[in-house]
Protein backbone atom coordinates (compact mmCIF):
# COMPACT_ATOMS: atom_id res chain seq x y z
CA MET A 1 0.00 0.00 0.00
CA MET A 2 2.81 2.38 0.95
CA LYS A 3 4.63 1.71 -2.36
CA ARG A 4 1.49 2.53 -4.35
CA ILE A 5 1.27 5.98 -2.65
CA LEU A 6 5.01 6.73 -2.68
CA LEU A 7 5.65 6.11 -6.38
CA PRO A 8 3.06 8.65 -7.71
CA ALA A 9 4.26 11.19 -5.14
CA LEU A 10 7.89 10.85 -6.30
CA LEU A 11 6.84 11.24 -9.94
CA LEU A 12 4.88 14.38 -9.07
CA PHE A 13 7.83 15.93 -7.21
CA ALA A 14 10.17 15.07 -10.10
CA LEU A 15 7.95 17.01 -12.50
CA VAL A 16 7.72 20.03 -10.20
CA LEU A 17 11.42 20.21 -9.25
CA SER A 18 12.94 19.52 -12.65
CA GLY A 19 14.77 22.41 -14.35
CA CYS A 20 15.84 25.84 -13.05
CA TRP A 21 12.95 27.94 -11.78
CA ASP A 22 14.79 31.23 -12.45
CA TYR A 23 16.32 30.25 -15.80
CA GLU A 24 16.55 32.99 -18.45
CA GLU A 25 17.89 32.91 -21.97
CA TYR A 26 21.26 34.62 -22.49
CA GLU A 27 19.79 36.69 -25.35
CA ASP A 28 17.04 38.02 -23.06
CA LEU A 29 19.50 39.78 -20.74
CA VAL A 30 21.43 43.03 -21.08
CA GLN A 31 25.01 41.94 -20.39
CA VAL A 32 26.50 45.07 -18.81
CA TYR A 33 30.27 45.26 -19.27
CA ALA A 34 30.84 48.75 -17.82
CA LEU A 35 28.82 51.03 -15.58
CA ALA A 36 29.20 54.80 -15.12
CA ILE A 37 27.60 56.81 -12.31
CA ASP A 38 27.24 60.59 -12.04
CA PHE A 39 25.58 62.82 -9.45
CA ASN A 40 24.14 66.31 -9.85
CA LYS A 41 24.68 68.19 -6.59
CA GLN A 42 22.17 70.90 -7.57
CA SER A 43 19.22 68.64 -8.44
CA HIS A 44 20.39 65.69 -6.28
CA GLU A 45 19.73 63.35 -9.20
CA THR A 46 21.80 60.35 -10.22
CA THR A 47 22.70 59.52 -13.80
CA VAL A 48 23.47 55.90 -14.65
CA THR A 49 25.16 54.99 -17.92
CA VAL A 50 25.55 51.37 -18.97
CA GLN A 51 27.58 49.83 -21.75
CA TYR A 52 26.47 46.38 -22.80
CA LEU A 53 27.59 43.97 -25.47
CA PRO A 54 25.21 42.64 -28.16
CA THR A 55 23.53 39.35 -27.23
CA THR A 56 21.78 38.55 -30.49
CA LYS A 57 21.56 34.95 -31.56
CA GLN A 58 24.23 33.69 -33.91
CA GLY A 59 23.45 33.18 -37.53
CA LYS A 60 24.62 30.32 -39.69
CA GLY A 61 28.24 29.48 -39.11
CA GLY A 62 28.27 31.44 -35.84
CA ALA A 63 28.56 34.85 -37.53
CA GLN A 64 28.37 37.73 -35.07
CA GLY A 65 28.36 40.70 -37.46
CA ASP A 66 31.13 43.21 -38.11
CA SER A 67 33.83 43.95 -35.53
CA ARG A 68 32.58 47.49 -34.86
CA SER A 69 29.29 46.09 -33.55
CA GLN A 70 31.16 44.38 -30.74
CA VAL A 71 32.20 47.61 -28.98
CA GLY A 72 28.91 47.82 -27.13
CA THR A 73 25.84 50.01 -26.83
CA VAL A 74 25.57 52.90 -24.39
CA TYR A 75 22.37 54.01 -22.66
CA SER A 76 22.02 56.67 -20.00
CA ALA A 77 19.16 57.50 -17.60
CA THR A 78 18.68 60.06 -14.84
CA ASP A 79 16.43 59.85 -11.77
CA LYS A 80 16.32 60.49 -8.04
CA THR A 81 18.03 57.22 -7.14
CA LEU A 82 20.38 54.70 -8.68
CA TYR A 83 17.72 52.01 -8.82
CA GLU A 84 15.09 54.20 -10.48
CA ALA A 85 17.62 55.16 -13.15
CA LEU A 86 18.43 51.50 -13.77
CA THR A 87 14.71 50.74 -14.07
CA LYS A 88 14.40 53.38 -16.79
CA ILE A 89 17.22 51.72 -18.74
CA GLU A 90 15.42 48.37 -18.56
CA GLN A 91 12.28 50.02 -19.94
CA VAL A 92 14.24 51.17 -22.99
CA THR A 93 16.21 47.97 -23.63
CA LEU A 94 13.18 45.75 -22.92
CA LYS A 95 15.55 43.33 -21.21
CA ARG A 96 16.64 42.75 -17.64
CA VAL A 97 19.96 44.36 -16.78
CA PHE A 98 22.47 41.69 -15.74
CA PHE A 99 25.79 42.58 -14.03
CA GLY A 100 27.40 39.15 -13.97
CA TYR A 101 30.00 40.21 -16.57
CA LEU A 102 30.63 43.69 -15.17
CA LYS A 103 34.31 44.65 -15.35
CA VAL A 104 34.53 48.37 -14.57
CA VAL A 105 32.54 50.89 -12.52
CA ILE A 106 33.37 54.49 -13.47
CA VAL A 107 32.50 57.11 -10.85
CA GLY A 108 32.23 60.78 -11.76
CA GLU A 109 33.93 63.41 -9.60
CA ASP A 110 30.72 64.77 -8.02
CA ALA A 111 29.40 61.27 -7.38
CA ALA A 112 32.67 60.44 -5.61
CA LYS A 113 32.20 63.50 -3.40
CA TYR A 114 28.53 63.17 -2.52
CA ASN A 115 27.17 59.69 -3.32
CA MET A 116 29.93 57.12 -2.80
CA VAL A 117 28.18 55.02 -0.15
CA ASP A 118 25.14 54.36 -2.37
CA ILE A 119 27.44 53.31 -5.19
CA ILE A 120 29.38 50.84 -3.03
CA GLU A 121 26.20 49.44 -1.47
CA LEU A 122 24.95 48.63 -4.98
CA SER A 123 27.09 45.46 -4.92
CA ASP A 124 25.23 44.29 -1.80
CA ARG A 125 21.80 45.14 -3.18
CA VAL A 126 22.27 43.58 -6.63
CA PRO A 127 23.21 39.87 -6.30
CA SER A 128 24.60 39.55 -9.82
CA LEU A 129 27.01 42.49 -9.41
CA ARG A 130 30.43 41.02 -8.65
CA SER A 131 32.55 42.70 -6.00
CA THR A 132 35.64 41.87 -8.07
CA ALA A 133 34.70 44.54 -10.64
CA GLN A 134 37.24 47.36 -10.79
CA ILE A 135 36.31 50.84 -9.63
CA VAL A 136 37.81 54.00 -11.14
CA VAL A 137 37.18 57.71 -10.59
CA THR A 138 37.25 60.33 -13.31
CA PRO A 139 37.45 64.12 -13.17
CA GLY A 140 34.25 65.49 -14.65
CA LYS A 141 31.44 63.21 -15.86
CA ALA A 142 31.67 59.43 -15.94
CA GLU A 143 29.13 59.32 -18.78
CA ASP A 144 31.57 61.16 -21.06
CA THR A 145 34.33 58.70 -20.17
CA LEU A 146 32.23 55.64 -20.93
CA SER A 147 30.86 57.05 -24.19
CA THR A 148 34.34 57.73 -25.58
CA PHE A 149 35.89 54.98 -27.72
CA ASN A 150 39.34 54.55 -29.21
CA ALA A 151 38.99 54.13 -32.97
CA SER A 152 42.28 52.23 -33.18
CA HIS A 153 40.96 49.46 -30.89
CA ILE A 154 38.22 47.01 -31.81
CA SER A 155 36.89 46.91 -28.28
CA SER A 156 34.50 48.75 -26.00
CA SER A 157 35.65 51.66 -23.84
CA GLY A 158 34.97 49.56 -20.75
CA GLU A 159 37.25 46.79 -22.01
CA GLU A 160 39.94 49.34 -22.90
CA ILE A 161 39.89 50.83 -19.39
CA ASP A 162 40.01 47.35 -17.87
CA ASN A 163 43.10 46.54 -19.94
CA LEU A 164 44.72 49.87 -19.07
CA LEU A 165 44.32 49.08 -15.38
CA THR A 166 46.43 45.94 -15.83
CA VAL A 167 49.18 47.90 -17.59
CA SER A 168 49.13 50.77 -15.08
CA ARG A 169 49.64 48.42 -12.15
CA ALA A 170 52.86 47.04 -13.62
CA ILE A 171 54.44 50.42 -14.33
CA GLY A 172 53.18 52.10 -11.16
CA SER A 173 51.13 54.86 -12.81
CA ALA A 174 48.00 53.66 -10.94
CA PHE A 175 46.93 50.65 -8.88
CA PRO A 176 43.67 48.76 -9.51
CA VAL A 177 41.08 48.67 -6.72
CA SER A 178 38.07 46.35 -6.81
CA ILE A 179 34.71 47.12 -5.23
CA LEU A 180 35.61 44.64 -2.47
CA ASP A 181 38.97 46.36 -1.87
CA PHE A 182 37.32 49.76 -1.69
CA THR A 183 34.63 48.49 0.69
CA GLN A 184 37.27 47.05 3.03
CA MET A 185 39.21 50.33 3.04
CA LEU A 186 36.03 52.18 4.01
CA ALA A 187 35.23 49.70 6.78
CA VAL A 188 38.67 49.13 8.36
CA GLY A 189 40.02 51.70 10.81
CA GLY A 190 43.45 53.23 10.32
CA ILE A 191 43.40 53.32 6.51
CA GLU A 192 41.62 55.53 3.98
CA ALA A 193 40.34 54.53 0.56
CA VAL A 194 41.91 55.15 -2.84
CA ALA A 195 40.93 54.36 -6.42
CA PRO A 196 42.63 54.74 -9.82
CA ARG A 197 41.99 57.86 -11.88
CA VAL A 198 40.99 57.57 -15.54
CA ILE A 199 41.46 60.57 -17.82
CA THR A 200 39.60 60.98 -21.11
CA VAL A 201 40.60 62.95 -24.19
CA SER A 202 37.80 63.33 -26.72
CA LYS A 203 37.41 65.04 -30.07
CA LYS A 204 34.02 66.43 -29.07
CA THR A 205 33.41 68.60 -26.02
CA GLU A 206 29.70 67.88 -25.65
CA PRO A 207 27.93 64.50 -25.96
CA GLU A 208 25.07 64.26 -28.44
CA ALA A 209 22.01 62.04 -28.28
CA LYS A 210 21.21 60.04 -31.40
CA GLY A 211 17.50 60.10 -32.27
CA GLY A 212 16.58 62.71 -29.66
CA ILE A 213 15.93 62.49 -25.94
CA GLN A 214 12.86 60.96 -24.34
CA GLY A 215 12.54 62.30 -20.80
CA ASN A 216 15.72 61.54 -18.87
CA THR A 217 16.58 58.37 -20.79
CA ARG A 218 18.76 58.57 -23.88
CA PHE A 219 20.86 56.58 -26.29
CA VAL A 220 24.36 58.04 -26.05
CA GLU A 221 26.35 58.54 -29.21
CA GLU A 222 29.89 57.28 -28.69
CA ARG A 223 32.64 59.80 -29.35
CA GLU A 224 36.09 59.14 -30.67
CA GLY A 225 38.91 59.71 -28.21
CA ALA A 226 41.27 57.90 -25.88
CA HIS A 227 41.73 57.02 -22.22
CA ARG A 228 44.66 57.13 -19.83
CA VAL A 229 44.77 55.52 -16.39
CA ALA A 230 47.19 57.56 -14.29
CA GLY A 231 47.17 58.83 -10.72
CA MET A 232 44.95 57.94 -7.79
CA ALA A 233 41.82 59.41 -6.25
CA VAL A 234 42.25 59.96 -2.51
CA PHE A 235 39.27 59.71 -0.17
CA LYS A 236 38.65 61.07 3.31
CA GLY A 237 36.02 58.77 4.73
CA ASP A 238 33.51 58.22 1.93
CA LYS A 239 34.20 61.52 0.14
CA LEU A 240 36.74 62.34 -2.55
CA ALA A 241 39.48 64.57 -1.13
CA GLY A 242 41.69 65.05 -4.20
CA TRP A 243 44.14 63.48 -6.62
CA LEU A 244 47.69 62.11 -6.58
CA ASN A 245 49.83 62.89 -9.62
CA ASP A 246 52.18 60.36 -11.25
CA GLN A 247 55.09 60.93 -8.85
CA GLU A 248 52.88 60.87 -5.75
CA THR A 249 51.19 57.70 -6.99
CA LEU A 250 54.59 56.02 -7.30
CA GLY A 251 55.37 57.16 -3.75
CA TYR A 252 52.14 55.57 -2.55
CA GLY A 253 53.14 52.36 -4.33
CA TRP A 254 56.63 52.30 -2.79
CA ILE A 255 55.23 52.74 0.75
CA THR A 256 52.47 50.16 0.44
CA GLY A 257 54.68 47.52 -1.16
CA LYS A 258 53.10 47.30 -4.60
CA LYS A 259 54.90 45.18 -7.18
CA ILE A 260 56.25 47.81 -9.55
CA ASN A 261 58.22 47.27 -12.76
CA THR A 262 58.96 50.69 -14.13
CA PHE A 263 61.67 52.96 -15.48
CA LYS A 264 63.29 55.53 -13.21
CA THR A 265 65.75 58.31 -13.90
CA SER A 266 68.06 60.31 -11.67
CA GLU A 267 70.33 63.23 -12.42
CA THR A 268 74.00 63.30 -11.49
CA SER A 269 74.10 67.11 -11.42
CA ASP A 270 71.97 70.20 -11.92
CA GLU A 271 72.94 70.35 -15.59
CA THR A 272 70.28 69.50 -18.15
CA ASP A 273 72.57 67.51 -20.46
CA THR A 274 71.19 63.97 -20.91
CA LYS A 275 74.63 62.53 -20.29
CA ASN A 276 74.14 63.46 -16.63
CA ILE A 277 71.03 61.28 -16.31
CA PHE A 278 71.01 57.66 -15.11
CA TYR A 279 68.33 55.35 -16.53
CA TYR A 280 67.13 52.38 -14.47
CA HIS A 281 64.55 49.66 -14.78
CA VAL A 282 63.07 48.54 -11.45
CA SER A 283 62.52 44.78 -11.48
CA LYS A 284 61.63 44.10 -7.83
CA SER A 285 60.23 46.21 -5.01
CA ARG A 286 58.92 45.54 -1.52
CA SER A 287 58.39 47.50 1.66
CA LYS A 288 57.57 47.14 5.32
CA ILE A 289 56.04 49.60 7.78
CA LYS A 290 57.45 49.42 11.31
CA VAL A 291 55.84 51.03 14.34
CA ILE A 292 58.16 52.58 16.94
CA MET A 293 56.86 53.84 20.28
CA GLU A 294 58.86 56.77 21.58
CA LYS A 295 57.71 58.65 24.70
CA ASN A 296 54.30 57.00 24.34
CA GLU A 297 53.94 58.41 20.83
CA PRO A 298 53.91 56.27 17.65
CA LEU A 299 56.57 56.87 15.03
CA PHE A 300 56.80 54.98 11.77
CA GLU A 301 59.68 53.61 9.77
CA VAL A 302 59.21 52.66 6.12
CA ASP A 303 61.82 50.24 4.80
CA VAL A 304 61.84 50.01 1.01
CA LYS A 305 64.00 47.52 -0.87
CA ILE A 306 64.54 47.92 -4.60
CA VAL A 307 66.29 45.78 -7.21
CA ALA A 308 66.98 47.47 -10.54
CA ASP A 309 68.96 47.22 -13.77
CA LEU A 310 71.11 50.07 -15.03
CA ARG A 311 69.99 50.85 -18.57
CA LYS A 312 72.22 53.83 -19.46
CA TYR A 313 75.33 55.31 -17.88
CA TYR A 314 78.67 56.36 -19.34
CA SER A 315 81.68 56.13 -17.07
CA THR A 316 83.33 59.49 -16.56
CA LYS A 317 86.71 57.80 -16.30
CA GLY A 318 86.55 56.19 -19.75
CA SER A 319 86.76 52.72 -18.24
CA GLU A 320 84.92 49.75 -19.70
CA PHE A 321 83.56 48.78 -16.30
CA LEU A 322 82.16 50.60 -13.28
CA SER A 323 84.32 51.22 -10.26
CA PRO A 324 82.97 50.49 -6.74
CA GLU A 325 82.66 54.25 -6.19
CA GLU A 326 80.57 54.66 -9.33
CA VAL A 327 78.32 51.73 -8.34
CA GLU A 328 77.71 53.34 -4.95
CA LEU A 329 76.89 56.66 -6.64
CA ILE A 330 74.44 54.99 -9.02
CA GLU A 331 72.61 53.18 -6.22
CA ASN A 332 72.49 56.30 -4.04
CA LYS A 333 71.02 58.33 -6.88
CA LEU A 334 68.26 55.77 -7.38
CA SER A 335 67.55 55.79 -3.64
CA GLU A 336 67.25 59.58 -3.71
CA SER A 337 64.83 59.44 -6.63
CA ILE A 338 62.58 56.90 -4.88
CA ARG A 339 62.79 58.84 -1.61
CA SER A 340 61.56 61.97 -3.41
CA ASP A 341 58.51 60.03 -4.66
CA ILE A 342 57.71 58.87 -1.13
CA GLU A 343 58.16 62.32 0.39
CA ALA A 344 55.89 63.86 -2.26
CA ALA A 345 53.11 61.38 -1.43
CA LEU A 346 53.50 61.91 2.32
CA VAL A 347 53.41 65.69 2.04
CA LYS A 348 50.29 65.64 -0.14
CA CYS A 349 48.38 63.24 2.12
CA GLN A 350 49.51 64.59 5.50
CA GLU A 351 49.43 68.31 4.83
CA GLU A 352 46.73 68.74 2.17
CA PHE A 353 44.33 65.78 2.36
CA LYS A 354 45.01 64.67 5.97
CA SER A 355 44.14 61.17 4.76
CA ASP A 356 46.06 58.05 5.82
CA ILE A 357 45.88 56.04 2.60
CA PHE A 358 49.10 54.22 3.52
CA GLY A 359 47.65 52.33 6.49
CA PHE A 360 49.96 53.67 9.22
CA GLY A 361 47.02 53.62 11.62
CA PHE A 362 46.23 50.04 10.68
CA ALA A 363 49.88 49.10 11.29
CA LEU A 364 49.59 50.61 14.79
CA PHE A 365 46.41 48.62 15.36
CA ARG A 366 48.13 45.36 14.39
CA LYS A 367 51.06 46.06 16.69
CA ASN A 368 48.99 47.11 19.69
CA PRO A 369 45.22 46.65 19.27
CA LYS A 370 44.44 47.76 22.82
CA LEU A 371 46.42 50.99 22.48
CA TRP A 372 44.73 51.71 19.16
CA GLN A 373 41.23 51.18 20.53
CA THR A 374 41.75 53.16 23.74
CA GLU A 375 43.98 56.02 22.53
CA TYR A 376 44.07 56.50 18.78
CA ALA A 377 41.00 55.08 17.01
CA LYS A 378 38.87 58.18 17.52
CA LYS A 379 41.59 60.81 17.14
CA TRP A 380 43.74 59.32 14.37
CA ASP A 381 42.49 61.90 11.86
CA ASP A 382 44.01 64.60 14.09
CA VAL A 383 47.20 62.67 14.87
CA PHE A 384 48.15 61.43 11.40
CA PRO A 385 48.99 64.83 9.82
CA TYR A 386 51.71 65.36 12.46
CA THR A 387 53.03 61.79 12.65
CA GLN A 388 56.75 61.45 11.95
CA VAL A 389 57.73 58.95 9.26
CA TYR A 390 61.33 57.82 8.68
CA ILE A 391 62.20 56.56 5.22
CA ASN A 392 64.90 53.96 4.50
CA VAL A 393 65.52 53.07 0.85
CA ASP A 394 67.89 50.22 0.07
CA THR A 395 68.64 49.83 -3.63
CA LYS A 396 70.63 47.18 -5.44
CA VAL A 397 71.69 47.61 -9.06
CA ILE A 398 72.47 44.09 -10.24
CA ASN A 399 74.06 44.54 -13.69
CA THR A 400 77.02 46.77 -12.84
CA GLY A 401 79.50 44.16 -14.07
CA THR A 402 78.43 44.56 -17.69
CA ASN A 403 80.25 46.53 -20.33
CA ILE A 404 79.23 50.20 -20.26
CA ARG A 405 81.26 51.68 -23.10
CA LYS A 406 79.26 54.14 -25.15
CA LEU A 407 78.83 53.78 -28.89
CA ASN A 408 81.81 55.24 -30.72
CA LEU A 409 80.84 57.04 -33.90
CA LYS A 410 83.23 57.65 -36.75
């Protein structure tokens, strides 16, 4: 009797539970590759711009159309909140916006100053939005950055920026920060948040809408131009405080122990002749922040170790090989150059921004959590600008035994 009842019940459950209840066709989703967010401080409205790749079904032989069609489509919508703007975009595309393939989030300057928390919380509110997506900040409007494409590249602007972030990390011009990284920097005491800066150069100064504008939703015409990822955006709490230039960004990288492979130069004298310039290629870099308690006050020591190759130097003595004195001079000059980068970053962040992006406060917390919680957690913003930091740079040039004779011309 039991078997007669159980078998029909199992068959019924198998019919109900088979398949995915939330399954959707790939072609029925808007696959967002890049997202740009702007904020108008006068109207308090948010503008969301999305770039998505075509998801049309393949024809015979798997043809996907011409290469230009693969750069993506850009839509923009404005409303009181982020979510209402996204809803307007879905009404235009007639498809559900899907963020599972999102690579880059571009934040406009005003949005970074006034609306950063809502932007970061978007990853918690939208399940498909991956926290591994990279976040960048741009001076001006993020919409203009996303709607600018490089005609020499058969790729979307979002993909180009994503690739530029990889290159910038290696050479030390900027350092990628994911949404997860940024969220942790906002949440952890003793360290302030940073994000890479993306700069756009376009042939047109004003964006145009193709086919007119319907309300606050528009199809954005892409403009020809180029992008450059260089420098870092510095935050104080959840608000943009300012920008680091190329030298200050390198200084930030030296202090925080980023893996940098870049070219460096140093001058042997005040003369402008290129023969007085050393050229190096940094192959390895690492650093360590030490906390020193002196008279119940924290001091910090930054130890930076660099390994580099000498790429150009002509011996003043006409010798084929470098003397020990010349090797010492070469290494000292590189140390001085790196020290100047570090000092520039410290001055900018301590005196102008008063923002501890280096994590000195977090280093103090790790060394003495009780002291941090009882003495410094609440007043670190006031203490950091006056904290003394000692810099030790140890450089090693590893190819000084090679022949350094210059090319003799007839």
